[in-house]
């Protein structure tokens, strides 16, 4: 077994030697990889001081509920940041739907003061939110009720 264990590292030792030769042939790729590593390291360090909008207790509750367990606070904050971005994107899309709906409905008005007021106030409806959520594959439409 010891000869097999020695054969493994010697075979692996020849493979890593080809990787540095490749990086020597293409220094731009090596420089780009080093830049990406520095950027990732800086990002992970920034997560130490970052406080996401979603509190850690809420993130812990939902992560525990789905069976995800980790003690790495940076990873929890990263997941909270991703959830915050997701909610922010949905809200921005819903706002755009509301603006489109408002402009389409208010295009025929003759008073200039009313159109100025409409541009400053936008009401978000469930239909706007449903349209934005449907772009992400989430069905949030109200069921049809018949009276």
Protein backbone atom coordinates (compact mmCIF):
# COMPACT_ATOMS: atom_id res chain seq x y z
CA UNK A 1 0.00 0.00 0.00
CA UNK A 2 2.82 2.38 0.66
CA UNK A 3 4.00 2.01 -2.94
CA UNK A 4 0.48 2.88 -4.11
CA UNK A 5 0.37 5.89 -1.82
CA UNK A 6 3.72 7.06 -3.20
CA UNK A 7 2.63 6.47 -6.78
CA UNK A 8 -0.47 8.64 -6.30
CA UNK A 9 1.37 11.80 -5.21
CA UNK A 10 4.07 11.40 -7.86
CA UNK A 11 1.38 11.09 -10.54
CA UNK A 12 -0.42 14.08 -9.08
CA UNK A 13 2.85 15.95 -8.78
CA UNK A 14 3.30 15.87 -12.54
CA UNK A 15 -0.20 17.31 -13.16
CA UNK A 16 0.18 20.50 -11.09
CA UNK A 17 3.42 21.25 -12.93
CA UNK A 18 1.46 21.63 -16.19
CA UNK A 19 -0.89 24.18 -14.60
CA UNK A 20 1.86 26.74 -13.77
CA UNK A 21 3.26 26.33 -17.28
CA UNK A 22 -0.15 27.26 -18.67
CA UNK A 23 -0.36 30.33 -16.44
CA UNK A 24 3.13 31.32 -17.57
CA UNK A 25 2.00 31.06 -21.18
CA UNK A 26 -1.05 33.25 -20.56
CA UNK A 27 -0.27 35.84 -17.86
CA UNK A 28 -3.53 37.72 -18.52
CA UNK A 29 -5.58 34.76 -17.30
CA UNK A 30 -3.42 34.41 -14.20
CA UNK A 31 -3.76 38.14 -13.50
CA UNK A 32 -7.54 37.98 -14.01
CA UNK A 33 -7.81 35.00 -11.64
CA UNK A 34 -5.74 36.82 -9.00
CA UNK A 35 -7.98 39.89 -9.36
CA UNK A 36 -11.11 37.76 -8.93
CA UNK A 37 -9.62 36.13 -5.82
CA UNK A 38 -8.81 39.56 -4.33
CA UNK A 39 -12.30 40.82 -5.14
CA UNK A 40 -13.94 37.79 -3.53
CA UNK A 41 -11.76 38.14 -0.44
CA UNK A 42 -12.62 41.84 -0.15
CA UNK A 43 -16.32 41.03 -0.57
CA UNK A 44 -16.22 38.39 2.15
CA UNK A 45 -14.48 40.86 4.48
CA UNK A 46 -17.16 43.46 3.72
CA UNK A 47 -19.83 40.97 4.81
CA UNK A 48 -18.33 41.00 8.33
CA UNK A 49 -19.44 44.62 8.82
CA UNK A 50 -22.59 44.50 6.67
CA UNK A 51 -26.01 44.56 8.33
CA UNK A 52 -28.70 43.44 5.88
CA UNK A 53 -32.24 44.82 6.02
CA UNK A 54 -33.47 41.34 6.97
CA UNK A 55 -32.50 40.79 10.63
CA UNK A 56 -30.26 37.84 11.46
CA UNK A 57 -32.95 36.29 13.66
CA UNK A 58 -35.44 36.15 10.79
CA UNK A 59 -32.82 34.74 8.42
CA UNK A 60 -31.86 32.13 11.05
CA UNK A 61 -35.52 31.14 11.51
CA UNK A 62 -36.17 30.58 7.81
CA UNK A 63 -32.81 28.91 7.19
CA UNK A 64 -33.48 26.54 10.08
CA UNK A 65 -36.99 25.92 8.79
CA UNK A 66 -35.69 24.72 5.40
CA UNK A 67 -32.98 22.62 7.06
CA UNK A 68 -29.95 24.81 6.39
CA UNK A 69 -27.54 24.92 9.32
CA UNK A 70 -24.35 26.91 9.45
CA UNK A 71 -22.45 28.94 12.03
CA UNK A 72 -20.83 31.18 9.41
CA UNK A 73 -22.41 34.60 9.92
CA UNK A 74 -21.06 35.85 6.59
CA UNK A 75 -22.91 33.12 4.72
CA UNK A 76 -26.14 33.96 6.51
CA UNK A 77 -25.66 37.62 5.65
CA UNK A 78 -24.95 36.72 2.04
CA UNK A 79 -28.23 34.80 1.86
CA UNK A 80 -30.03 37.72 3.52
CA UNK A 81 -28.50 40.06 0.97
CA UNK A 82 -29.69 37.81 -1.87
CA UNK A 83 -33.22 37.77 -0.41
CA UNK A 84 -33.11 41.55 -0.02
CA UNK A 85 -32.07 41.93 -3.66
CA UNK A 86 -34.86 39.59 -4.77
CA UNK A 87 -37.54 41.56 -2.89
CA UNK A 88 -36.08 44.84 -4.16
CA UNK A 89 -36.19 43.64 -7.77
CA UNK A 90 -39.81 42.53 -7.39
CA UNK A 91 -40.76 45.89 -5.85
CA UNK A 92 -39.02 47.79 -8.66
CA UNK A 93 -40.76 45.70 -11.32
CA UNK A 94 -44.14 46.16 -9.61
CA UNK A 95 -43.51 49.92 -9.52
CA UNK A 96 -42.78 49.90 -13.25
CA UNK A 97 -46.02 48.00 -13.90
CA UNK A 98 -47.91 50.57 -11.81
CA UNK A 99 -46.30 53.46 -13.71
CA UNK A 100 -47.20 51.87 -17.05
CA UNK A 101 -50.79 51.30 -15.89
CA UNK A 102 -51.05 54.86 -14.54
CA UNK A 103 -49.64 56.42 -17.72
CA UNK A 104 -51.90 54.30 -19.94
CA UNK A 105 -55.01 55.23 -17.96
CA UNK A 106 -54.15 58.92 -17.51
CA UNK A 107 -52.95 59.68 -21.04
CA UNK A 108 -56.21 61.24 -22.20
CA UNK A 109 -56.58 63.87 -19.46
CA UNK A 110 -56.55 67.49 -20.52
CA UNK A 111 -55.54 69.14 -17.25
CA UNK A 112 -51.81 69.66 -16.81
CA UNK A 113 -52.07 69.87 -13.00
CA UNK A 114 -53.67 66.43 -12.73
CA UNK A 115 -50.97 64.77 -14.82
CA UNK A 116 -48.25 66.37 -12.65
CA UNK A 117 -49.97 65.08 -9.54
CA UNK A 118 -50.27 61.59 -11.05
CA UNK A 119 -46.54 61.49 -11.79
CA UNK A 120 -45.62 62.11 -8.17
CA UNK A 121 -48.06 59.62 -6.67
CA UNK A 122 -48.20 56.02 -7.81
CA UNK A 123 -50.46 53.50 -6.14
CA UNK A 124 -49.25 49.93 -6.14
CA UNK A 125 -52.08 47.45 -6.61
CA UNK A 126 -52.22 43.71 -6.22
CA UNK A 127 -52.47 43.42 -10.00
CA UNK A 128 -49.14 45.25 -10.37
CA UNK A 129 -47.51 43.00 -7.79
CA UNK A 130 -49.00 39.88 -9.41
CA UNK A 131 -47.65 40.93 -12.81
CA UNK A 132 -44.17 41.48 -11.36
CA UNK A 133 -44.23 38.18 -9.48
CA UNK A 134 -45.35 36.29 -12.58
CA UNK A 135 -42.10 37.36 -14.28
CA UNK A 136 -40.28 35.38 -11.57
CA UNK A 137 -42.55 32.35 -11.89
CA UNK A 138 -44.64 33.09 -8.79
CA UNK A 139 -48.41 32.92 -9.12
CA UNK A 140 -50.02 35.40 -6.71
CA UNK A 141 -53.32 36.10 -8.43
CA UNK A 142 -56.48 36.20 -6.38
CA UNK A 143 -58.91 33.38 -7.07
CA UNK A 144 -62.05 34.30 -8.96
CA UNK A 145 -65.13 34.58 -6.75
CA UNK A 146 -68.63 34.49 -8.07
CA UNK A 147 -71.50 36.11 -6.20
